[in-house]
Structure formats: structure tokens, C-alpha cells
Amino acid sequence: MSELPRFLREPHDERDPSPWLALYLDQSVPMAEPAKRAWLVDLSSRNRQFMLPLARPFARLLIALIQVLKILLPRFHASRLLHHLLEWLMKAFMSPQANLLIMRHFSLGSEILRFIADNAEGVQVATTPLKPQSLDEIHNDVFLQHDLNIFNFVINLNRALNTAGRELTPRAELDFSAISDTLPTFEPLPDRWLNFVDLETAIELYTPLYQLLLTDNDFWRASNSLQLDETVALYVARLLGDPSALPLVNNKHPLVPLSTLRAGFRLVLHGLSTEILHAMLVKKKRDHGAKFIES
């Protein structure tokens, strides 16, 4: 993964400009450099170009068929098997860039929720951080626990606010200690010749597997958790007093859950929203630290 991607190695041709170079150099969307580079390497891969258009309709057809099966077997589940399969598939086939983005996602999500908990005035809310450092930890129900953490946090935060008779307001001095400027280095990610499947294609193909091996209730809850991207962004915007956290979050209205058919695509949006929101918090943390030093 240390090798420069092709769009950074090749000279700029004004008659055939690289869209990936344009997106890489553009600074209008905040994103950590390692994540942005990994995402664009995946976007520009030939695997995504040729496999994704085939994988997406196939995966959506499977989701529809499995939904019919779940009418007959709504409580069938094999969560432990699911996570062992996901761990094996990530190690065997997913690109190192895709694995990096997934590993980052758990840590970033945990830090954002911790930031909200640390800065909600007048209430105490516990969080359950997920910060796996290696793919070997995936089999510990990490994906399912990630979804549970989001719902439990929203419920516990708002119960505490309702009990205290308060709305979500920031503390007098914001605490950015939960937000890491740079994440710790993960254990080496597989980078063999079979590790070529990009993130979007992998998510589309893994979503029906996720649906099959979870209960119908668990899968619908996981899909509906994507609606909470705007909710979490609203919390951050209120605490920062800055609505700029909202425009780039796009999983639709929290009170209008969508069907599971587009869950794979929306999961990609969820990952990007988390990266963007965390990058904004990193910038706010640095600005906050600079102001503190100046004062």
C-alpha cells in the first residue's frame, strides 16, 4: 500500500485529465489523507470498473429472494459463522485499501460517539468503544456490535436528556480528547495477488450474506441504523454550533427508513459520512488547540 497510486505517478495531461487526481487534490470535502488515498485507489481500480456493475444487480436480486426466505425463517441466525466468514473473506479477497477503510470506520465511529457523550451538558452517557487493530478481531461480532452501539447510544443519550429535562447543548469548554489526530497503525493487512476486490463491490456482495446469516430483525435494524447518520451529524453540529457538519451526510431522513434493497450503497455513504465528520472534528480540535495556545 506504500506504492504511489497510478493517478499520482502519471504526469497530468490537460487533454485527458485524471478524475481521480482532481478528486484527490480537491479540498472541498474534508477527509484524512490516508483514507482519501485508499478510497480513490479503490474507486479507480479495474475491479470496481468491471465487477461492480455486475455485482450490484446480482446482490439486490439475492436480497429480494432472501427476504422471501426470511418470511419462513425469520429467527434463523448464525452470527458467529457470519463474522468468521467476513474475517476470512476480508483476509482472502479484499484489497488492502478496502480493509483499511473498514478498520478505520470502527475506530472513527467510536470516537465520534465518545465526543458527543463528553460534551453533552448535564448528562453522563456511557459508550462501548470498538477499536479493532487487526482483522483477527473481526470474528468477535464486531459488525453487529457496531450497529448495536449506535442505537444504544441514541437511546441512552436521549433518555438521559429527557430525565434531566434538557435539550442537547454543549458544555462551556469543549473536550476533544476522544478525537485522535491520527489513528494508531493497524496490524499489516493482506496484500496478496487475490486481494483485489474493492470496497464497494465487496459491500454489495457481502450484504446478502449479512442478511442470510442474521435474523430478519437484526438485518432490518442494521439497515435502519444507516438512517442515523443525519442524527449523529445533527448532534455534532449542535455541540459545535456549526451546521457545516450536515450537507455531506446523505442517508436520507431519519424518520423515513428505506428498504434493504439499497443497503450496500447506503453503507458506503455511511462510511464516507463517518470519515468526513471525523475529519471535521479533527480540524475543529486543531483550531481549538491553536486558540487555547494563543489565549
C-alpha atoms as a PDB file:
ATOM      1  CA  MET A   1       0.000   0.000   0.000  1.00  0.00           C
ATOM      2  CA  SER A   2       3.037   2.259   0.278  1.00  0.00           C
ATOM      3  CA  GLU A   3       3.419   2.493  -3.507  1.00  0.00           C
ATOM      4  CA  LEU A   4       2.100   5.698  -5.048  1.00  0.00           C
ATOM      5  CA  PRO A   5      -1.217   5.160  -6.855  1.00  0.00           C
ATOM      6  CA  ARG A   6      -1.178   5.497 -10.632  1.00  0.00           C
ATOM      7  CA  PHE A   7      -3.056   8.812 -10.638  1.00  0.00           C
ATOM      8  CA  LEU A   8      -0.225  10.332  -8.568  1.00  0.00           C
ATOM      9  CA  ARG A   9       2.594   8.725 -10.583  1.00  0.00           C
ATOM     10  CA  GLU A  10       1.436   9.709 -14.051  1.00  0.00           C
ATOM     11  CA  PRO A  11       2.007  13.255 -15.391  1.00  0.00           C
ATOM     12  CA  HIS A  12      -1.034  15.490 -15.704  1.00  0.00           C
ATOM     13  CA  ASP A  13      -2.389  15.571 -19.271  1.00  0.00           C
ATOM     14  CA  GLU A  14      -4.670  18.563 -19.833  1.00  0.00           C
ATOM     15  CA  ARG A  15      -6.308  16.814 -22.795  1.00  0.00           C
ATOM     16  CA  ASP A  16      -7.010  13.710 -20.692  1.00  0.00           C
ATOM     17  CA  PRO A  17      -7.098  14.790 -17.030  1.00  0.00           C
ATOM     18  CA  SER A  18      -7.436  12.129 -14.363  1.00  0.00           C
ATOM     19  CA  PRO A  19     -10.736  12.380 -12.436  1.00  0.00           C
ATOM     20  CA  TRP A  20      -9.034  10.633  -9.517  1.00  0.00           C
ATOM     21  CA  LEU A  21      -6.262  13.237  -9.369  1.00  0.00           C
ATOM     22  CA  ALA A  22      -8.874  16.003  -9.420  1.00  0.00           C
ATOM     23  CA  LEU A  23     -10.739  14.416  -6.510  1.00  0.00           C
ATOM     24  CA  TYR A  24      -7.506  13.789  -4.612  1.00  0.00           C
ATOM     25  CA  LEU A  25      -6.315  17.389  -4.918  1.00  0.00           C
ATOM     26  CA  ASP A  26      -9.746  18.918  -4.218  1.00  0.00           C
ATOM     27  CA  GLN A  27     -10.013  20.106  -0.614  1.00  0.00           C
ATOM     28  CA  SER A  28     -13.728  20.965  -0.502  1.00  0.00           C
ATOM     29  CA  VAL A  29     -14.581  17.644   1.191  1.00  0.00           C
ATOM     30  CA  PRO A  30     -12.655  17.122   4.453  1.00  0.00           C
ATOM     31  CA  MET A  31     -11.109  13.676   4.714  1.00  0.00           C
ATOM     32  CA  ALA A  32      -7.985  12.249   6.295  1.00  0.00           C
ATOM     33  CA  GLU A  33      -5.255  11.802   3.685  1.00  0.00           C
ATOM     34  CA  PRO A  34      -4.711   8.029   4.222  1.00  0.00           C
ATOM     35  CA  ALA A  35      -8.440   7.389   3.912  1.00  0.00           C
ATOM     36  CA  LYS A  36      -8.841   9.628   0.875  1.00  0.00           C
ATOM     37  CA  ARG A  37      -5.942   7.977  -0.920  1.00  0.00           C
ATOM     38  CA  ALA A  38      -7.208   4.475  -0.086  1.00  0.00           C
ATOM     39  CA  TRP A  39     -10.732   5.383  -1.222  1.00  0.00           C
ATOM     40  CA  LEU A  40      -9.564   6.815  -4.543  1.00  0.00           C
ATOM     41  CA  VAL A  41      -7.268   3.863  -5.246  1.00  0.00           C
ATOM     42  CA  ASP A  42     -10.311   1.626  -4.764  1.00  0.00           C
ATOM     43  CA  LEU A  43     -12.504   3.898  -6.901  1.00  0.00           C
ATOM     44  CA  SER A  44     -10.022   3.860  -9.756  1.00  0.00           C
ATOM     45  CA  SER A  45      -9.456   0.101  -9.727  1.00  0.00           C
ATOM     46  CA  ARG A  46     -10.354  -2.057 -12.729  1.00  0.00           C
ATOM     47  CA  ASN A  47     -12.143  -4.425 -10.381  1.00  0.00           C
ATOM     48  CA  ARG A  48     -14.635  -1.704  -9.447  1.00  0.00           C
ATOM     49  CA  GLN A  49     -14.999  -0.616 -13.064  1.00  0.00           C
ATOM     50  CA  PHE A  50     -15.926  -4.072 -14.349  1.00  0.00           C
ATOM     51  CA  MET A  51     -17.208  -6.068 -11.365  1.00  0.00           C
ATOM     52  CA  LEU A  52     -19.388  -3.533  -9.551  1.00  0.00           C
ATOM     53  CA  PRO A  53     -21.956  -3.123 -12.393  1.00  0.00           C
ATOM     54  CA  LEU A  54     -22.415  -6.907 -12.353  1.00  0.00           C
ATOM     55  CA  ALA A  55     -22.269  -7.390  -8.588  1.00  0.00           C
ATOM     56  CA  ARG A  56     -24.825  -4.717  -7.670  1.00  0.00           C
ATOM     57  CA  PRO A  57     -27.914  -6.068  -9.531  1.00  0.00           C
ATOM     58  CA  PHE A  58     -26.973  -9.651  -8.582  1.00  0.00           C
ATOM     59  CA  ALA A  59     -26.703  -8.716  -4.914  1.00  0.00           C
ATOM     60  CA  ARG A  60     -30.019  -6.828  -4.949  1.00  0.00           C
ATOM     61  CA  LEU A  61     -31.750  -9.809  -6.519  1.00  0.00           C
ATOM     62  CA  LEU A  62     -30.346 -12.009  -3.749  1.00  0.00           C
ATOM     63  CA  ILE A  63     -31.586  -9.564  -1.097  1.00  0.00           C
ATOM     64  CA  ALA A  64     -35.111  -9.770  -2.521  1.00  0.00           C
ATOM     65  CA  LEU A  65     -35.007 -13.580  -2.643  1.00  0.00           C
ATOM     66  CA  ILE A  66     -33.582 -13.903   0.871  1.00  0.00           C
ATOM     67  CA  GLN A  67     -36.289 -11.555   2.159  1.00  0.00           C
ATOM     68  CA  VAL A  68     -38.866 -14.056   0.913  1.00  0.00           C
ATOM     69  CA  LEU A  69     -36.946 -16.859   2.650  1.00  0.00           C
ATOM     70  CA  LYS A  70     -36.902 -14.835   5.881  1.00  0.00           C
ATOM     71  CA  ILE A  71     -40.701 -14.830   5.915  1.00  0.00           C
ATOM     72  CA  LEU A  72     -40.451 -18.558   6.556  1.00  0.00           C
ATOM     73  CA  LEU A  73     -37.327 -18.445   8.762  1.00  0.00           C
ATOM     74  CA  PRO A  74     -37.358 -15.009  10.448  1.00  0.00           C
ATOM     75  CA  ARG A  75     -35.373 -16.137  13.503  1.00  0.00           C
ATOM     76  CA  PHE A  76     -32.688 -18.178  11.754  1.00  0.00           C
ATOM     77  CA  HIS A  77     -29.253 -16.756  12.515  1.00  0.00           C
ATOM     78  CA  ALA A  78     -25.598 -17.721  12.618  1.00  0.00           C
ATOM     79  CA  SER A  79     -23.897 -14.521  13.730  1.00  0.00           C
ATOM     80  CA  ARG A  80     -20.689 -16.205  14.819  1.00  0.00           C
ATOM     81  CA  LEU A  81     -20.407 -18.007  11.469  1.00  0.00           C
ATOM     82  CA  LEU A  82     -21.126 -14.726   9.670  1.00  0.00           C
ATOM     83  CA  HIS A  83     -18.258 -12.911  11.367  1.00  0.00           C
ATOM     84  CA  HIS A  84     -15.821 -15.778  10.819  1.00  0.00           C
ATOM     85  CA  LEU A  85     -16.789 -15.776   7.128  1.00  0.00           C
ATOM     86  CA  LEU A  86     -16.412 -11.996   6.892  1.00  0.00           C
ATOM     87  CA  GLU A  87     -12.986 -12.188   8.532  1.00  0.00           C
ATOM     88  CA  TRP A  88     -11.875 -14.896   6.077  1.00  0.00           C
ATOM     89  CA  LEU A  89     -13.250 -13.048   3.042  1.00  0.00           C
ATOM     90  CA  MET A  90     -11.582  -9.802   4.102  1.00  0.00           C
ATOM     91  CA  LYS A  91      -8.254 -11.551   4.532  1.00  0.00           C
ATOM     92  CA  ALA A  92      -8.534 -13.601   1.340  1.00  0.00           C
ATOM     93  CA  PHE A  93     -10.042 -11.243  -1.233  1.00  0.00           C
ATOM     94  CA  MET A  94     -10.484  -7.626  -0.172  1.00  0.00           C
ATOM     95  CA  SER A  95      -7.933  -5.035  -1.246  1.00  0.00           C
ATOM     96  CA  PRO A  96      -5.699  -3.598   1.474  1.00  0.00           C
ATOM     97  CA  GLN A  97      -7.301  -0.204   0.809  1.00  0.00           C
ATOM     98  CA  ALA A  98     -10.790  -1.605   1.416  1.00  0.00           C
ATOM     99  CA  ASN A  99      -9.688  -3.359   4.609  1.00  0.00           C
ATOM    100  CA  LEU A 100      -8.013  -0.192   5.850  1.00  0.00           C
ATOM    101  CA  LEU A 101     -11.209   1.823   5.368  1.00  0.00           C
ATOM    102  CA  ILE A 102     -13.278  -0.764   7.244  1.00  0.00           C
ATOM    103  CA  MET A 103     -10.822  -0.943  10.134  1.00  0.00           C
ATOM    104  CA  ARG A 104     -10.743   2.855  10.361  1.00  0.00           C
ATOM    105  CA  HIS A 105     -14.533   3.000  10.384  1.00  0.00           C
ATOM    106  CA  PHE A 106     -14.985   1.220  13.712  1.00  0.00           C
ATOM    107  CA  SER A 107     -12.484   3.488  15.475  1.00  0.00           C
ATOM    108  CA  LEU A 108     -13.838   6.699  13.950  1.00  0.00           C
ATOM    109  CA  GLY A 109     -17.425   5.829  14.832  1.00  0.00           C
ATOM    110  CA  SER A 110     -16.445   5.109  18.425  1.00  0.00           C
ATOM    111  CA  GLU A 111     -14.579   8.402  18.708  1.00  0.00           C
ATOM    112  CA  ILE A 112     -17.474  10.458  17.320  1.00  0.00           C
ATOM    113  CA  LEU A 113     -19.947   8.938  19.797  1.00  0.00           C
ATOM    114  CA  ARG A 114     -17.475   9.486  22.645  1.00  0.00           C
ATOM    115  CA  PHE A 115     -17.072  13.139  21.607  1.00  0.00           C
ATOM    116  CA  ILE A 116     -20.840  13.668  21.789  1.00  0.00           C
ATOM    117  CA  ALA A 117     -21.023  11.950  25.197  1.00  0.00           C
ATOM    118  CA  ASP A 118     -18.104  14.005  26.544  1.00  0.00           C
ATOM    119  CA  ASN A 119     -19.650  17.306  25.503  1.00  0.00           C
ATOM    120  CA  ALA A 120     -23.370  16.899  26.254  1.00  0.00           C
ATOM    121  CA  GLU A 121     -24.064  19.341  29.080  1.00  0.00           C
ATOM    122  CA  GLY A 122     -25.705  17.986  32.219  1.00  0.00           C
ATOM    123  CA  VAL A 123     -25.793  14.259  31.380  1.00  0.00           C
ATOM    124  CA  GLN A 124     -23.494  11.248  31.639  1.00  0.00           C
ATOM    125  CA  VAL A 125     -23.669   8.672  28.848  1.00  0.00           C
ATOM    126  CA  ALA A 126     -21.563   5.516  28.657  1.00  0.00           C
ATOM    127  CA  THR A 127     -20.224   4.275  25.329  1.00  0.00           C
ATOM    128  CA  THR A 128     -18.853   0.923  24.173  1.00  0.00           C
ATOM    129  CA  PRO A 129     -15.803   1.712  22.053  1.00  0.00           C
ATOM    130  CA  LEU A 130     -14.887  -0.586  19.182  1.00  0.00           C
ATOM    131  CA  LYS A 131     -11.284  -0.170  18.073  1.00  0.00           C
ATOM    132  CA  PRO A 132     -10.037  -3.402  16.481  1.00  0.00           C
ATOM    133  CA  GLN A 133      -6.393  -3.304  15.471  1.00  0.00           C
ATOM    134  CA  SER A 134      -6.285  -6.440  13.334  1.00  0.00           C
ATOM    135  CA  LEU A 135      -8.564  -8.448  11.060  1.00  0.00           C
ATOM    136  CA  ASP A 136      -8.316 -11.301  13.585  1.00  0.00           C
ATOM    137  CA  GLU A 137     -10.691  -9.336  15.831  1.00  0.00           C
ATOM    138  CA  ILE A 138     -13.497  -9.193  13.257  1.00  0.00           C
ATOM    139  CA  HIS A 139     -14.939 -12.556  14.339  1.00  0.00           C
ATOM    140  CA  ASN A 140     -15.854 -11.067  17.737  1.00  0.00           C
ATOM    141  CA  ASP A 141     -19.232  -9.891  16.327  1.00  0.00           C
ATOM    142  CA  VAL A 142     -17.664  -6.516  15.514  1.00  0.00           C
ATOM    143  CA  PHE A 143     -20.054  -5.579  12.693  1.00  0.00           C
ATOM    144  CA  LEU A 144     -23.166  -6.431  14.699  1.00  0.00           C
ATOM    145  CA  GLN A 145     -21.846  -4.683  17.810  1.00  0.00           C
ATOM    146  CA  HIS A 146     -21.166  -1.551  15.759  1.00  0.00           C
ATOM    147  CA  ASP A 147     -24.858  -1.330  14.819  1.00  0.00           C
ATOM    148  CA  LEU A 148     -25.964  -2.005  18.398  1.00  0.00           C
ATOM    149  CA  ASN A 149     -23.660   0.728  19.697  1.00  0.00           C
ATOM    150  CA  ILE A 150     -25.272   3.390  17.510  1.00  0.00           C
ATOM    151  CA  PHE A 151     -28.836   2.598  18.551  1.00  0.00           C
ATOM    152  CA  ASN A 152     -27.940   2.149  22.231  1.00  0.00           C
ATOM    153  CA  PHE A 153     -26.103   5.455  22.245  1.00  0.00           C
ATOM    154  CA  VAL A 154     -29.023   7.390  20.729  1.00  0.00           C
ATOM    155  CA  ILE A 155     -31.450   5.757  23.190  1.00  0.00           C
ATOM    156  CA  ASN A 156     -29.264   6.286  26.268  1.00  0.00           C
ATOM    157  CA  LEU A 157     -28.349   9.864  25.360  1.00  0.00           C
ATOM    158  CA  ASN A 158     -31.940  10.942  24.813  1.00  0.00           C
ATOM    159  CA  ARG A 159     -33.242   9.093  27.868  1.00  0.00           C
ATOM    160  CA  ALA A 160     -30.668  10.942  29.961  1.00  0.00           C
ATOM    161  CA  LEU A 161     -31.627  14.276  28.386  1.00  0.00           C
ATOM    162  CA  ASN A 162     -35.347  13.615  28.904  1.00  0.00           C
ATOM    163  CA  THR A 163     -34.798  12.584  32.532  1.00  0.00           C
ATOM    164  CA  ALA A 164     -32.799  15.753  33.154  1.00  0.00           C
ATOM    165  CA  GLY A 165     -35.382  17.871  31.326  1.00  0.00           C
ATOM    166  CA  ARG A 166     -32.693  19.178  28.994  1.00  0.00           C
ATOM    167  CA  GLU A 167     -32.007  19.583  25.293  1.00  0.00           C
ATOM    168  CA  LEU A 168     -28.648  18.700  23.797  1.00  0.00           C
ATOM    169  CA  THR A 169     -26.361  21.660  24.492  1.00  0.00           C
ATOM    170  CA  PRO A 170     -22.559  21.879  24.639  1.00  0.00           C
ATOM    171  CA  ARG A 171     -20.515  22.234  27.781  1.00  0.00           C
ATOM    172  CA  ALA A 172     -18.784  25.551  28.368  1.00  0.00           C
ATOM    173  CA  GLU A 173     -15.426  24.154  27.234  1.00  0.00           C
ATOM    174  CA  LEU A 174     -15.471  21.538  24.500  1.00  0.00           C
ATOM    175  CA  ASP A 175     -13.494  18.365  25.169  1.00  0.00           C
ATOM    176  CA  PHE A 176     -11.777  16.947  22.067  1.00  0.00           C
ATOM    177  CA  SER A 177      -9.793  14.262  23.894  1.00  0.00           C
ATOM    178  CA  ALA A 178     -11.825  11.485  22.253  1.00  0.00           C
ATOM    179  CA  ILE A 179     -10.778  12.595  18.762  1.00  0.00           C
ATOM    180  CA  SER A 180      -7.458  11.200  17.508  1.00  0.00           C
ATOM    181  CA  ASP A 181      -5.449  13.376  15.122  1.00  0.00           C
ATOM    182  CA  THR A 182      -4.113  10.180  13.567  1.00  0.00           C
ATOM    183  CA  LEU A 183      -5.229   6.627  14.278  1.00  0.00           C
ATOM    184  CA  PRO A 184      -2.805   4.024  15.618  1.00  0.00           C
ATOM    185  CA  THR A 185      -1.208   1.828  12.963  1.00  0.00           C
ATOM    186  CA  PHE A 186      -3.175  -1.339  12.271  1.00  0.00           C
ATOM    187  CA  GLU A 187      -1.524  -4.708  12.041  1.00  0.00           C
ATOM    188  CA  PRO A 188      -0.327  -5.433   8.466  1.00  0.00           C
ATOM    189  CA  LEU A 189      -3.225  -6.002   6.100  1.00  0.00           C
ATOM    190  CA  PRO A 190      -3.131  -8.803   3.487  1.00  0.00           C
ATOM    191  CA  ASP A 191      -1.761  -7.660   0.129  1.00  0.00           C
ATOM    192  CA  ARG A 192      -1.504 -10.810  -1.982  1.00  0.00           C
ATOM    193  CA  TRP A 193      -2.497 -11.268  -5.620  1.00  0.00           C
ATOM    194  CA  LEU A 194      -6.016 -12.351  -4.611  1.00  0.00           C
ATOM    195  CA  ASN A 195      -6.580  -9.203  -2.542  1.00  0.00           C
ATOM    196  CA  PHE A 196      -8.128  -7.211  -5.365  1.00  0.00           C
ATOM    197  CA  VAL A 197     -11.834  -6.740  -4.504  1.00  0.00           C
ATOM    198  CA  ASP A 198     -12.662  -3.070  -3.947  1.00  0.00           C
ATOM    199  CA  LEU A 199     -14.763  -1.810  -1.043  1.00  0.00           C
ATOM    200  CA  GLU A 200     -17.991  -1.056  -2.938  1.00  0.00           C
ATOM    201  CA  THR A 201     -18.080  -4.408  -4.735  1.00  0.00           C
ATOM    202  CA  ALA A 202     -17.287  -6.274  -1.521  1.00  0.00           C
ATOM    203  CA  ILE A 203     -20.037  -4.481   0.416  1.00  0.00           C
ATOM    204  CA  GLU A 204     -22.605  -5.205  -2.290  1.00  0.00           C
ATOM    205  CA  LEU A 205     -21.694  -8.918  -2.300  1.00  0.00           C
ATOM    206  CA  TYR A 206     -21.413  -9.260   1.476  1.00  0.00           C
ATOM    207  CA  THR A 207     -24.770  -7.589   2.219  1.00  0.00           C
ATOM    208  CA  PRO A 208     -26.873 -10.626   1.146  1.00  0.00           C
ATOM    209  CA  LEU A 209     -24.580 -12.837   3.259  1.00  0.00           C
ATOM    210  CA  TYR A 210     -25.172 -10.486   6.185  1.00  0.00           C
ATOM    211  CA  GLN A 211     -28.923 -10.743   5.595  1.00  0.00           C
ATOM    212  CA  LEU A 212     -28.883 -14.540   5.302  1.00  0.00           C
ATOM    213  CA  LEU A 213     -26.932 -15.228   8.499  1.00  0.00           C
ATOM    214  CA  LEU A 214     -28.651 -12.666  10.764  1.00  0.00           C
ATOM    215  CA  THR A 215     -32.217 -12.763  11.970  1.00  0.00           C
ATOM    216  CA  ASP A 216     -34.633 -10.715   9.904  1.00  0.00           C
ATOM    217  CA  ASN A 217     -34.907  -8.282  12.827  1.00  0.00           C
ATOM    218  CA  ASP A 218     -31.125  -7.896  13.142  1.00  0.00           C
ATOM    219  CA  PHE A 219     -30.711  -7.216   9.422  1.00  0.00           C
ATOM    220  CA  TRP A 220     -33.504  -4.618   9.317  1.00  0.00           C
ATOM    221  CA  ARG A 221     -32.074  -2.939  12.412  1.00  0.00           C
ATOM    222  CA  ALA A 222     -28.628  -2.838  10.796  1.00  0.00           C
ATOM    223  CA  SER A 223     -30.132  -1.297   7.657  1.00  0.00           C
ATOM    224  CA  ASN A 224     -32.139   1.247   9.661  1.00  0.00           C
ATOM    225  CA  SER A 225     -29.032   2.262  11.620  1.00  0.00           C
ATOM    226  CA  LEU A 226     -27.853   3.961   8.429  1.00  0.00           C
ATOM    227  CA  GLN A 227     -30.722   6.455   8.861  1.00  0.00           C
ATOM    228  CA  LEU A 228     -28.952   7.752  11.977  1.00  0.00           C
ATOM    229  CA  ASP A 229     -26.101   9.377  10.033  1.00  0.00           C
ATOM    230  CA  GLU A 230     -28.039  12.655   9.961  1.00  0.00           C
ATOM    231  CA  THR A 231     -28.963  12.243  13.632  1.00  0.00           C
ATOM    232  CA  VAL A 232     -25.334  11.913  14.721  1.00  0.00           C
ATOM    233  CA  ALA A 233     -24.314  14.805  12.440  1.00  0.00           C
ATOM    234  CA  LEU A 234     -27.055  16.963  13.990  1.00  0.00           C
ATOM    235  CA  TYR A 235     -25.715  16.181  17.463  1.00  0.00           C
ATOM    236  CA  VAL A 236     -22.200  17.201  16.416  1.00  0.00           C
ATOM    237  CA  ALA A 237     -23.476  20.353  14.686  1.00  0.00           C
ATOM    238  CA  ARG A 238     -25.364  21.413  17.845  1.00  0.00           C
ATOM    239  CA  LEU A 239     -22.337  20.858  20.051  1.00  0.00           C
ATOM    240  CA  LEU A 240     -20.038  22.750  17.692  1.00  0.00           C
ATOM    241  CA  GLY A 241     -22.585  25.457  16.863  1.00  0.00           C
ATOM    242  CA  ASP A 242     -21.669  24.807  13.227  1.00  0.00           C
ATOM    243  CA  PRO A 243     -24.146  23.426  10.643  1.00  0.00           C
ATOM    244  CA  SER A 244     -21.374  22.605   8.158  1.00  0.00           C
ATOM    245  CA  ALA A 245     -21.384  19.034   9.532  1.00  0.00           C
ATOM    246  CA  LEU A 246     -24.696  18.361   7.773  1.00  0.00           C
ATOM    247  CA  PRO A 247     -24.586  18.901   3.972  1.00  0.00           C
ATOM    248  CA  LEU A 248     -22.289  15.975   3.129  1.00  0.00           C
ATOM    249  CA  VAL A 249     -24.290  13.431   5.158  1.00  0.00           C
ATOM    250  CA  ASN A 250     -26.766  11.786   2.812  1.00  0.00           C
ATOM    251  CA  ASN A 251     -28.564   8.673   4.052  1.00  0.00           C
ATOM    252  CA  LYS A 252     -31.963  10.401   3.826  1.00  0.00           C
ATOM    253  CA  HIS A 253     -34.330  11.492   6.574  1.00  0.00           C
ATOM    254  CA  PRO A 254     -34.007   9.637   9.920  1.00  0.00           C
ATOM    255  CA  LEU A 255     -37.794   9.234  10.234  1.00  0.00           C
ATOM    256  CA  VAL A 256     -38.198   7.677   6.775  1.00  0.00           C
ATOM    257  CA  PRO A 257     -36.443   4.269   6.850  1.00  0.00           C
ATOM    258  CA  LEU A 258     -35.677   2.911   3.393  1.00  0.00           C
ATOM    259  CA  SER A 259     -35.937  -0.666   2.178  1.00  0.00           C
ATOM    260  CA  THR A 260     -32.973  -3.006   2.487  1.00  0.00           C
ATOM    261  CA  LEU A 261     -32.553  -3.221  -1.285  1.00  0.00           C
ATOM    262  CA  ARG A 262     -30.019  -0.372  -1.439  1.00  0.00           C
ATOM    263  CA  ALA A 263     -28.374  -1.187   1.883  1.00  0.00           C
ATOM    264  CA  GLY A 264     -24.976  -1.852   0.271  1.00  0.00           C
ATOM    265  CA  PHE A 265     -24.799   1.538  -1.437  1.00  0.00           C
ATOM    266  CA  ARG A 266     -26.069   3.305   1.677  1.00  0.00           C
ATOM    267  CA  LEU A 267     -23.445   1.526   3.759  1.00  0.00           C
ATOM    268  CA  VAL A 268     -20.775   3.084   1.535  1.00  0.00           C
ATOM    269  CA  LEU A 269     -22.363   6.510   2.161  1.00  0.00           C
ATOM    270  CA  HIS A 270     -22.322   5.733   5.891  1.00  0.00           C
ATOM    271  CA  GLY A 271     -18.592   5.018   5.791  1.00  0.00           C
ATOM    272  CA  LEU A 272     -17.824   8.220   3.892  1.00  0.00           C
ATOM    273  CA  SER A 273     -20.053  10.282   6.192  1.00  0.00           C
ATOM    274  CA  THR A 274     -18.150   8.960   9.195  1.00  0.00           C
ATOM    275  CA  GLU A 275     -14.775   9.793   7.605  1.00  0.00           C
ATOM    276  CA  ILE A 276     -15.935  13.325   6.731  1.00  0.00           C
ATOM    277  CA  LEU A 277     -17.478  14.010  10.146  1.00  0.00           C
ATOM    278  CA  HIS A 278     -14.363  12.778  11.946  1.00  0.00           C
ATOM    279  CA  ALA A 279     -12.095  14.858   9.685  1.00  0.00           C
ATOM    280  CA  MET A 280     -14.158  17.937  10.548  1.00  0.00           C
ATOM    281  CA  LEU A 281     -13.762  17.182  14.256  1.00  0.00           C
ATOM    282  CA  VAL A 282     -10.003  16.772  13.835  1.00  0.00           C
ATOM    283  CA  LYS A 283      -9.863  20.225  12.218  1.00  0.00           C
ATOM    284  CA  LYS A 284     -12.011  21.719  14.988  1.00  0.00           C
ATOM    285  CA  LYS A 285      -9.725  20.110  17.560  1.00  0.00           C
ATOM    286  CA  ARG A 286      -6.654  21.671  15.967  1.00  0.00           C
ATOM    287  CA  ASP A 287      -8.344  25.068  15.694  1.00  0.00           C
ATOM    288  CA  HIS A 288      -9.477  24.774  19.313  1.00  0.00           C
ATOM    289  CA  GLY A 289      -5.941  23.910  20.421  1.00  0.00           C
ATOM    290  CA  ALA A 290      -4.495  26.850  18.454  1.00  0.00           C
ATOM    291  CA  LYS A 291      -6.949  29.283  20.081  1.00  0.00           C
ATOM    292  CA  PHE A 292      -6.137  27.863  23.514  1.00  0.00           C
ATOM    293  CA  ILE A 293      -2.395  28.362  22.931  1.00  0.00           C
ATOM    294  CA  GLU A 294      -2.953  31.924  21.667  1.00  0.00           C
ATOM    295  CA  SER A 295      -5.035  32.847  24.702  1.00  0.00           C
END
